[in-house]
Amino acid sequence: EEVIQTSLNDAAATTSTIVSNSTSTLSDLSLKGAEVPAKGRARKPPAWMKDYVTGDDLTYEDAINFAMFAGADPLVDPPPNCKVVGVKWIFKTKLKETREIDKFKARLVAKGYTQEEGIDYREIFSPVAHLETIRMVVALATTKRWSIYQLDIKSAFLHEEINEDVYLEQPPSYIFQGCEHQVYKLKKALYGLKQAPRACYTKLESHLAANNFLKCLHEHTLFVKKKEGGEILIVCVYLDDLIYTSNHESMFEEIKTMMMN
């Protein structure tokens, strides 16, 4: 209980610091990891992104290839009376623990706020873990002296298929000459779409079930896997983040391998 209370106090202090510094200017925020949307169709990648994005970081062109071409049909003519969903760029600065700049990222997102219920999407509810559930898992691990880890699913919303027909406009700065009127038809979800979180949860739920996890009847974000030898693995899901704990180290390697596959 003392460990949990200390963590909560630290979190409260951090939140207080963030609120007290909320008067920062836009230029200051761009160096602190704030998300700054692109403006206008003619906007090109900022100079700082070209200068700093290297190696395995996600570049402007990589974001296009991964978000669009991997999950969309080639350019097509939009059907009559079809609503075309707009897109925009989100630029984000990732920082290290030392507050030094780690890398710059570009993310292509759909303007989901323009979608209409019953036309562009149907079911969108996606459960997320209650705070009480997360506290329970942390408290259990602390009491039992089990190790506890957090896992992030990279680009989780870009892997899941969607059931509705969604047509997306061509991204700013990447509009093909002579094909300005054409659009992309998505086959998979994209950040910003109303149905993206549900598609992500549905895929993760089925993947866990296929690997012998049982879902809690009263908390659909809590999954448990037991083995005959007494090993137990508990997983708590919050969108594309997992918190998991176990009484045996082999279970940690098992879930890592499972998620990579």
C-alpha atoms as a PDB file:
ATOM      1  CA  GLU A   1       0.000   0.000   0.000  1.00  0.00           C
ATOM      2  CA  GLU A   2       2.881   2.393   0.776  1.00  0.00           C
ATOM      3  CA  VAL A   3       4.430   1.719  -2.657  1.00  0.00           C
ATOM      4  CA  ILE A   4       1.123   2.355  -4.417  1.00  0.00           C
ATOM      5  CA  GLN A   5       0.454   5.545  -2.432  1.00  0.00           C
ATOM      6  CA  THR A   6       3.944   6.850  -3.224  1.00  0.00           C
ATOM      7  CA  SER A   7       3.368   6.271  -6.947  1.00  0.00           C
ATOM      8  CA  LEU A   8       0.039   8.097  -6.791  1.00  0.00           C
ATOM      9  CA  ASN A   9       1.651  11.040  -4.985  1.00  0.00           C
ATOM     10  CA  ASP A  10       4.393  11.226  -7.624  1.00  0.00           C
ATOM     11  CA  ALA A  11       1.792  11.189 -10.387  1.00  0.00           C
ATOM     12  CA  ALA A  12      -0.146  13.997  -8.697  1.00  0.00           C
ATOM     13  CA  ALA A  13       3.006  16.089  -8.364  1.00  0.00           C
ATOM     14  CA  THR A  14       3.827  15.564 -12.038  1.00  0.00           C
ATOM     15  CA  THR A  15       0.299  16.578 -13.065  1.00  0.00           C
ATOM     16  CA  SER A  16       0.542  19.717 -10.933  1.00  0.00           C
ATOM     17  CA  THR A  17       3.811  20.671 -12.637  1.00  0.00           C
ATOM     18  CA  ILE A  18       2.306  20.219 -16.104  1.00  0.00           C
ATOM     19  CA  VAL A  19      -0.713  22.375 -15.246  1.00  0.00           C
ATOM     20  CA  SER A  20       1.434  25.129 -13.729  1.00  0.00           C
ATOM     21  CA  ASN A  21       3.508  25.298 -16.936  1.00  0.00           C
ATOM     22  CA  SER A  22       0.494  25.386 -19.261  1.00  0.00           C
ATOM     23  CA  THR A  23       1.179  28.999 -20.344  1.00  0.00           C
ATOM     24  CA  SER A  24       4.044  27.972 -22.652  1.00  0.00           C
ATOM     25  CA  THR A  25       4.103  29.412 -26.152  1.00  0.00           C
ATOM     26  CA  LEU A  26       3.487  27.327 -29.266  1.00  0.00           C
ATOM     27  CA  SER A  27       7.176  27.373 -30.156  1.00  0.00           C
ATOM     28  CA  ASP A  28       8.031  26.151 -26.665  1.00  0.00           C
ATOM     29  CA  LEU A  29       5.480  23.341 -26.903  1.00  0.00           C
ATOM     30  CA  SER A  30       6.941  22.106 -30.183  1.00  0.00           C
ATOM     31  CA  LEU A  31      10.122  21.289 -28.294  1.00  0.00           C
ATOM     32  CA  LYS A  32       8.264  19.602 -25.433  1.00  0.00           C
ATOM     33  CA  GLY A  33       6.445  16.977 -27.463  1.00  0.00           C
ATOM     34  CA  ALA A  34       3.240  18.842 -28.280  1.00  0.00           C
ATOM     35  CA  GLU A  35       1.416  17.762 -31.408  1.00  0.00           C
ATOM     36  CA  VAL A  36       1.327  20.525 -34.018  1.00  0.00           C
ATOM     37  CA  PRO A  37      -0.995  19.946 -37.012  1.00  0.00           C
ATOM     38  CA  ALA A  38       0.085  20.798 -40.526  1.00  0.00           C
ATOM     39  CA  LYS A  39      -1.645  23.725 -42.248  1.00  0.00           C
ATOM     40  CA  GLY A  40      -2.614  23.778 -45.897  1.00  0.00           C
ATOM     41  CA  ARG A  41      -2.210  21.350 -48.746  1.00  0.00           C
ATOM     42  CA  ALA A  42       1.092  22.763 -49.933  1.00  0.00           C
ATOM     43  CA  ARG A  43       2.926  22.274 -46.671  1.00  0.00           C
ATOM     44  CA  LYS A  44       6.160  20.311 -46.906  1.00  0.00           C
ATOM     45  CA  PRO A  45       7.983  18.467 -44.123  1.00  0.00           C
ATOM     46  CA  PRO A  46       9.473  21.044 -41.745  1.00  0.00           C
ATOM     47  CA  ALA A  47      13.214  21.604 -41.988  1.00  0.00           C
ATOM     48  CA  TRP A  48      13.810  20.252 -38.509  1.00  0.00           C
ATOM     49  CA  MET A  49      12.188  16.953 -39.462  1.00  0.00           C
ATOM     50  CA  LYS A  50      14.390  16.521 -42.533  1.00  0.00           C
ATOM     51  CA  ASP A  51      17.455  17.402 -40.470  1.00  0.00           C
ATOM     52  CA  TYR A  52      16.801  15.125 -37.508  1.00  0.00           C
ATOM     53  CA  VAL A  53      14.834  12.088 -38.715  1.00  0.00           C
ATOM     54  CA  THR A  54      17.386   9.374 -39.454  1.00  0.00           C
ATOM     55  CA  GLY A  55      17.910   5.648 -39.067  1.00  0.00           C
ATOM     56  CA  ASP A  56      14.861   3.655 -38.018  1.00  0.00           C
ATOM     57  CA  ASP A  57      12.701   6.680 -37.207  1.00  0.00           C
ATOM     58  CA  LEU A  58       9.451   7.150 -39.106  1.00  0.00           C
ATOM     59  CA  THR A  59      10.034   9.661 -41.888  1.00  0.00           C
ATOM     60  CA  TYR A  60       7.438  11.682 -43.772  1.00  0.00           C
ATOM     61  CA  GLU A  61       7.564   9.308 -46.751  1.00  0.00           C
ATOM     62  CA  ASP A  62       7.494   6.204 -44.528  1.00  0.00           C
ATOM     63  CA  ALA A  63       4.305   7.453 -42.898  1.00  0.00           C
ATOM     64  CA  ILE A  64       2.663   7.760 -46.307  1.00  0.00           C
ATOM     65  CA  ASN A  65       3.737   4.290 -47.408  1.00  0.00           C
ATOM     66  CA  PHE A  66       2.806   2.595 -44.141  1.00  0.00           C
ATOM     67  CA  ALA A  67      -0.465   4.383 -43.423  1.00  0.00           C
ATOM     68  CA  MET A  68      -1.821   4.592 -46.944  1.00  0.00           C
ATOM     69  CA  PHE A  69      -0.415   2.116 -49.433  1.00  0.00           C
ATOM     70  CA  ALA A  70      -0.235  -0.786 -46.966  1.00  0.00           C
ATOM     71  CA  GLY A  71      -3.869  -0.353 -45.944  1.00  0.00           C
ATOM     72  CA  ALA A  72      -5.618   1.151 -48.958  1.00  0.00           C
ATOM     73  CA  ASP A  73      -6.518   0.357 -52.530  1.00  0.00           C
ATOM     74  CA  PRO A  74      -4.857   2.342 -55.337  1.00  0.00           C
ATOM     75  CA  LEU A  75      -6.452   5.669 -56.248  1.00  0.00           C
ATOM     76  CA  VAL A  76     -10.070   5.284 -57.361  1.00  0.00           C
ATOM     77  CA  ASP A  77     -12.878   7.593 -58.459  1.00  0.00           C
ATOM     78  CA  PRO A  78     -15.201   8.334 -55.519  1.00  0.00           C
ATOM     79  CA  PRO A  79     -18.678   6.754 -55.859  1.00  0.00           C
ATOM     80  CA  PRO A  80     -21.649   9.120 -56.387  1.00  0.00           C
ATOM     81  CA  ASN A  81     -22.877  10.852 -53.200  1.00  0.00           C
ATOM     82  CA  CYS A  82     -19.994   9.381 -51.210  1.00  0.00           C
ATOM     83  CA  LYS A  83     -18.494  11.364 -48.352  1.00  0.00           C
ATOM     84  CA  VAL A  84     -14.731  11.644 -48.593  1.00  0.00           C
ATOM     85  CA  VAL A  85     -12.969  11.823 -45.229  1.00  0.00           C
ATOM     86  CA  GLY A  86     -10.206  14.396 -45.006  1.00  0.00           C
ATOM     87  CA  VAL A  87      -6.727  13.774 -43.596  1.00  0.00           C
ATOM     88  CA  LYS A  88      -4.043  15.886 -41.967  1.00  0.00           C
ATOM     89  CA  TRP A  89      -0.504  15.583 -40.691  1.00  0.00           C
ATOM     90  CA  ILE A  90       0.421  15.527 -37.015  1.00  0.00           C
ATOM     91  CA  PHE A  91       4.040  16.309 -36.191  1.00  0.00           C
ATOM     92  CA  LYS A  92       5.336  15.220 -32.802  1.00  0.00           C
ATOM     93  CA  THR A  93       8.634  15.626 -30.990  1.00  0.00           C
ATOM     94  CA  LYS A  94       9.661  12.609 -28.893  1.00  0.00           C
ATOM     95  CA  LEU A  95      11.912  13.291 -25.921  1.00  0.00           C
ATOM     96  CA  LYS A  96      14.301  11.122 -23.935  1.00  0.00           C
ATOM     97  CA  GLU A  97      14.120  10.780 -20.153  1.00  0.00           C
ATOM     98  CA  THR A  98      16.779  13.494 -19.969  1.00  0.00           C
ATOM     99  CA  ARG A  99      14.396  15.849 -21.850  1.00  0.00           C
ATOM    100  CA  GLU A 100      16.729  15.848 -24.835  1.00  0.00           C
ATOM    101  CA  ILE A 101      15.225  15.436 -28.302  1.00  0.00           C
ATOM    102  CA  ASP A 102      15.029  11.766 -29.257  1.00  0.00           C
ATOM    103  CA  LYS A 103      13.321  11.920 -32.652  1.00  0.00           C
ATOM    104  CA  PHE A 104      10.650  13.659 -34.678  1.00  0.00           C
ATOM    105  CA  LYS A 105       7.626  11.753 -35.938  1.00  0.00           C
ATOM    106  CA  ALA A 106       5.018  12.364 -38.622  1.00  0.00           C
ATOM    107  CA  ARG A 107       1.595  10.745 -38.362  1.00  0.00           C
ATOM    108  CA  LEU A 108      -1.152  10.819 -40.958  1.00  0.00           C
ATOM    109  CA  VAL A 109      -4.591  10.961 -39.304  1.00  0.00           C
ATOM    110  CA  ALA A 110      -8.136  10.960 -40.624  1.00  0.00           C
ATOM    111  CA  LYS A 111     -10.553  13.756 -39.777  1.00  0.00           C
ATOM    112  CA  GLY A 112     -12.943  11.381 -38.071  1.00  0.00           C
ATOM    113  CA  TYR A 113     -15.087  14.218 -36.755  1.00  0.00           C
ATOM    114  CA  THR A 114     -16.557  14.543 -40.270  1.00  0.00           C
ATOM    115  CA  GLN A 115     -17.881  10.959 -40.266  1.00  0.00           C
ATOM    116  CA  GLU A 116     -21.612  10.398 -39.792  1.00  0.00           C
ATOM    117  CA  GLU A 117     -23.071   7.610 -37.678  1.00  0.00           C
ATOM    118  CA  GLY A 118     -24.999   5.044 -39.696  1.00  0.00           C
ATOM    119  CA  ILE A 119     -23.316   6.136 -42.919  1.00  0.00           C
ATOM    120  CA  ASP A 120     -19.578   6.045 -42.326  1.00  0.00           C
ATOM    121  CA  TYR A 121     -19.573   3.801 -39.254  1.00  0.00           C
ATOM    122  CA  ARG A 122     -21.827   1.699 -37.046  1.00  0.00           C
ATOM    123  CA  GLU A 123     -20.374   0.151 -33.875  1.00  0.00           C
ATOM    124  CA  ILE A 124     -17.505   2.136 -32.373  1.00  0.00           C
ATOM    125  CA  PHE A 125     -17.539   1.236 -28.666  1.00  0.00           C
ATOM    126  CA  SER A 126     -14.194  -0.032 -27.429  1.00  0.00           C
ATOM    127  CA  PRO A 127     -13.661  -0.907 -23.746  1.00  0.00           C
ATOM    128  CA  VAL A 128     -10.698   0.528 -21.879  1.00  0.00           C
ATOM    129  CA  ALA A 129      -9.434  -0.593 -18.498  1.00  0.00           C
ATOM    130  CA  HIS A 130     -10.946   1.137 -15.482  1.00  0.00           C
ATOM    131  CA  LEU A 131      -8.504   2.870 -13.167  1.00  0.00           C
ATOM    132  CA  GLU A 132      -9.596   0.493 -10.392  1.00  0.00           C
ATOM    133  CA  THR A 133      -8.626  -2.485 -12.564  1.00  0.00           C
ATOM    134  CA  ILE A 134      -5.169  -1.079 -13.231  1.00  0.00           C
ATOM    135  CA  ARG A 135      -4.686  -0.376  -9.522  1.00  0.00           C
ATOM    136  CA  MET A 136      -5.788  -3.916  -8.684  1.00  0.00           C
ATOM    137  CA  VAL A 137      -3.228  -5.452 -11.071  1.00  0.00           C
ATOM    138  CA  VAL A 138      -0.454  -3.213  -9.694  1.00  0.00           C
ATOM    139  CA  ALA A 139      -1.477  -3.975  -6.105  1.00  0.00           C
ATOM    140  CA  LEU A 140      -1.550  -7.725  -6.794  1.00  0.00           C
ATOM    141  CA  ALA A 141       1.920  -7.648  -8.340  1.00  0.00           C
ATOM    142  CA  THR A 142       3.243  -5.590  -5.418  1.00  0.00           C
ATOM    143  CA  THR A 143       1.699  -7.874  -2.793  1.00  0.00           C
ATOM    144  CA  LYS A 144       2.913 -11.058  -4.469  1.00  0.00           C
ATOM    145  CA  ARG A 145       6.282  -9.471  -5.359  1.00  0.00           C
ATOM    146  CA  TRP A 146       5.757 -10.305  -9.021  1.00  0.00           C
ATOM    147  CA  SER A 147       7.448  -8.410 -11.821  1.00  0.00           C
ATOM    148  CA  ILE A 148       5.152  -6.123 -13.798  1.00  0.00           C
ATOM    149  CA  TYR A 149       5.727  -4.765 -17.307  1.00  0.00           C
ATOM    150  CA  GLN A 150       4.145  -2.408 -19.813  1.00  0.00           C
ATOM    151  CA  LEU A 151       4.008  -3.138 -23.540  1.00  0.00           C
ATOM    152  CA  ASP A 152       3.039  -0.789 -26.365  1.00  0.00           C
ATOM    153  CA  ILE A 153       1.707  -2.149 -29.658  1.00  0.00           C
ATOM    154  CA  LYS A 154       3.467  -0.175 -32.383  1.00  0.00           C
ATOM    155  CA  SER A 155       1.118   1.453 -34.916  1.00  0.00           C
ATOM    156  CA  ALA A 156      -1.723  -0.639 -33.495  1.00  0.00           C
ATOM    157  CA  PHE A 157      -4.548   1.180 -35.291  1.00  0.00           C
ATOM    158  CA  LEU A 158      -3.010   0.551 -38.727  1.00  0.00           C
ATOM    159  CA  HIS A 159      -3.199  -3.257 -38.686  1.00  0.00           C
ATOM    160  CA  GLU A 160      -6.921  -3.869 -38.234  1.00  0.00           C
ATOM    161  CA  GLU A 161      -9.436  -4.356 -41.023  1.00  0.00           C
ATOM    162  CA  ILE A 162     -12.639  -2.311 -41.107  1.00  0.00           C
ATOM    163  CA  ASN A 163     -16.063  -3.406 -42.338  1.00  0.00           C
ATOM    164  CA  GLU A 164     -17.331  -0.087 -43.705  1.00  0.00           C
ATOM    165  CA  ASP A 165     -16.399   1.547 -47.006  1.00  0.00           C
ATOM    166  CA  VAL A 166     -14.227   4.541 -46.132  1.00  0.00           C
ATOM    167  CA  TYR A 167     -12.843   6.864 -48.789  1.00  0.00           C
ATOM    168  CA  LEU A 168      -9.950   9.151 -47.921  1.00  0.00           C
ATOM    169  CA  GLU A 169      -8.679  12.230 -49.706  1.00  0.00           C
ATOM    170  CA  GLN A 170      -5.070  12.316 -50.850  1.00  0.00           C
ATOM    171  CA  PRO A 171      -2.689  13.544 -48.121  1.00  0.00           C
ATOM    172  CA  PRO A 172      -1.494  17.160 -48.190  1.00  0.00           C
ATOM    173  CA  SER A 173       1.743  17.543 -50.167  1.00  0.00           C
ATOM    174  CA  TYR A 174       1.183  14.099 -51.743  1.00  0.00           C
ATOM    175  CA  ILE A 175      -1.566  14.829 -54.262  1.00  0.00           C
ATOM    176  CA  PHE A 176      -0.908  13.200 -57.630  1.00  0.00           C
ATOM    177  CA  GLN A 177      -1.037  15.626 -60.557  1.00  0.00           C
ATOM    178  CA  GLY A 178      -3.858  14.841 -62.951  1.00  0.00           C
ATOM    179  CA  CYS A 179      -5.593  12.667 -60.310  1.00  0.00           C
ATOM    180  CA  GLU A 180      -6.622  15.388 -57.856  1.00  0.00           C
ATOM    181  CA  HIS A 181     -10.256  14.215 -57.873  1.00  0.00           C
ATOM    182  CA  GLN A 182      -9.404  10.614 -56.994  1.00  0.00           C
ATOM    183  CA  VAL A 183      -9.368   9.135 -53.482  1.00  0.00           C
ATOM    184  CA  TYR A 184      -8.119   6.144 -51.510  1.00  0.00           C
ATOM    185  CA  LYS A 185     -10.456   3.350 -50.394  1.00  0.00           C
ATOM    186  CA  LEU A 186      -9.271   2.076 -47.037  1.00  0.00           C
ATOM    187  CA  LYS A 187      -9.041  -1.621 -46.259  1.00  0.00           C
ATOM    188  CA  LYS A 188      -7.609  -1.129 -42.778  1.00  0.00           C
ATOM    189  CA  ALA A 189      -8.118   1.355 -39.975  1.00  0.00           C
ATOM    190  CA  LEU A 190      -6.300   4.661 -39.740  1.00  0.00           C
ATOM    191  CA  TYR A 191      -5.655   6.935 -36.775  1.00  0.00           C
ATOM    192  CA  GLY A 192      -8.544   9.349 -36.341  1.00  0.00           C
ATOM    193  CA  LEU A 193     -11.303   7.117 -37.723  1.00  0.00           C
ATOM    194  CA  LYS A 194     -14.264   6.599 -35.399  1.00  0.00           C
ATOM    195  CA  GLN A 195     -14.094   2.817 -35.782  1.00  0.00           C
ATOM    196  CA  ALA A 196     -10.309   2.514 -35.343  1.00  0.00           C
ATOM    197  CA  PRO A 197     -10.239   1.858 -31.546  1.00  0.00           C
ATOM    198  CA  ARG A 198     -12.931  -0.843 -31.801  1.00  0.00           C
ATOM    199  CA  ALA A 199     -11.135  -2.536 -34.689  1.00  0.00           C
ATOM    200  CA  CYS A 200      -7.924  -2.531 -32.650  1.00  0.00           C
ATOM    201  CA  TYR A 201      -9.596  -4.049 -29.571  1.00  0.00           C
ATOM    202  CA  THR A 202     -11.458  -6.688 -31.607  1.00  0.00           C
ATOM    203  CA  LYS A 203      -8.239  -7.864 -33.253  1.00  0.00           C
ATOM    204  CA  LEU A 204      -6.358  -7.948 -29.939  1.00  0.00           C
ATOM    205  CA  GLU A 205      -9.217  -9.774 -28.196  1.00  0.00           C
ATOM    206  CA  SER A 206      -9.314 -12.509 -30.832  1.00  0.00           C
ATOM    207  CA  HIS A 207      -5.513 -12.828 -30.763  1.00  0.00           C
ATOM    208  CA  LEU A 208      -5.489 -13.313 -26.988  1.00  0.00           C
ATOM    209  CA  ALA A 209      -8.365 -15.813 -27.159  1.00  0.00           C
ATOM    210  CA  ALA A 210      -6.503 -17.811 -29.820  1.00  0.00           C
ATOM    211  CA  ASN A 211      -3.579 -18.074 -27.395  1.00  0.00           C
ATOM    212  CA  ASN A 212      -5.681 -19.536 -24.550  1.00  0.00           C
ATOM    213  CA  PHE A 213      -6.393 -16.338 -22.618  1.00  0.00           C
ATOM    214  CA  LEU A 214      -9.705 -16.105 -20.787  1.00  0.00           C
ATOM    215  CA  LYS A 215     -11.520 -12.752 -20.683  1.00  0.00           C
ATOM    216  CA  CYS A 216     -12.977 -11.562 -17.393  1.00  0.00           C
ATOM    217  CA  LEU A 217     -16.783 -11.558 -17.562  1.00  0.00           C
ATOM    218  CA  HIS A 218     -17.131  -8.255 -15.700  1.00  0.00           C
ATOM    219  CA  GLU A 219     -14.042  -6.429 -17.012  1.00  0.00           C
ATOM    220  CA  HIS A 220     -13.518  -6.982 -20.730  1.00  0.00           C
ATOM    221  CA  THR A 221     -10.026  -5.495 -20.675  1.00  0.00           C
ATOM    222  CA  LEU A 222      -8.685  -8.068 -18.206  1.00  0.00           C
ATOM    223  CA  PHE A 223      -7.338 -11.350 -19.588  1.00  0.00           C
ATOM    224  CA  VAL A 224      -5.886 -14.313 -17.687  1.00  0.00           C
ATOM    225  CA  LYS A 225      -3.900 -17.319 -18.861  1.00  0.00           C
ATOM    226  CA  LYS A 226      -3.277 -20.315 -16.587  1.00  0.00           C
ATOM    227  CA  LYS A 227      -1.138 -23.393 -17.086  1.00  0.00           C
ATOM    228  CA  GLU A 228      -1.270 -26.815 -15.444  1.00  0.00           C
ATOM    229  CA  GLY A 229       2.014 -26.153 -13.651  1.00  0.00           C
ATOM    230  CA  GLY A 230       0.471 -23.237 -11.758  1.00  0.00           C
ATOM    231  CA  GLU A 231       1.892 -20.457 -13.941  1.00  0.00           C
ATOM    232  CA  ILE A 232      -0.478 -17.529 -14.348  1.00  0.00           C
ATOM    233  CA  LEU A 233      -0.278 -14.468 -16.592  1.00  0.00           C
ATOM    234  CA  ILE A 234      -2.564 -11.459 -16.105  1.00  0.00           C
ATOM    235  CA  VAL A 235      -2.943  -8.870 -18.873  1.00  0.00           C
ATOM    236  CA  CYS A 236      -4.727  -5.525 -18.621  1.00  0.00           C
ATOM    237  CA  VAL A 237      -5.546  -3.718 -21.897  1.00  0.00           C
ATOM    238  CA  TYR A 238      -5.828   0.047 -22.382  1.00  0.00           C
ATOM    239  CA  LEU A 239      -6.221   0.801 -26.103  1.00  0.00           C
ATOM    240  CA  ASP A 240      -2.823  -0.140 -27.587  1.00  0.00           C
ATOM    241  CA  ASP A 241      -1.040  -0.466 -24.234  1.00  0.00           C
ATOM    242  CA  LEU A 242      -0.768  -3.640 -22.171  1.00  0.00           C
ATOM    243  CA  ILE A 243       0.133  -4.010 -18.508  1.00  0.00           C
ATOM    244  CA  TYR A 244       0.968  -7.563 -17.525  1.00  0.00           C
ATOM    245  CA  THR A 245       2.266  -9.489 -14.544  1.00  0.00           C
ATOM    246  CA  SER A 246       3.008 -13.133 -13.782  1.00  0.00           C
ATOM    247  CA  ASN A 247       4.302 -15.484 -11.119  1.00  0.00           C
ATOM    248  CA  HIS A 248       6.803 -17.030 -13.546  1.00  0.00           C
ATOM    249  CA  GLU A 249       9.436 -15.381 -15.749  1.00  0.00           C
ATOM    250  CA  SER A 250       8.795 -17.752 -18.668  1.00  0.00           C
ATOM    251  CA  MET A 251       5.342 -16.228 -19.113  1.00  0.00           C
ATOM    252  CA  PHE A 252       6.864 -12.828 -19.886  1.00  0.00           C
ATOM    253  CA  GLU A 253       8.852 -14.204 -22.795  1.00  0.00           C
ATOM    254  CA  GLU A 254       5.774 -16.067 -23.975  1.00  0.00           C
ATOM    255  CA  ILE A 255       3.611 -12.952 -24.258  1.00  0.00           C
ATOM    256  CA  LYS A 256       6.392 -11.016 -25.999  1.00  0.00           C
ATOM    257  CA  THR A 257       6.726 -13.760 -28.597  1.00  0.00           C
ATOM    258  CA  MET A 258       2.957 -13.976 -28.964  1.00  0.00           C
ATOM    259  CA  MET A 259       2.564 -10.238 -29.585  1.00  0.00           C
ATOM    260  CA  MET A 260       5.415 -10.175 -32.098  1.00  0.00           C
ATOM    261  CA  ASN A 261       3.664 -12.896 -34.080  1.00  0.00           C
END
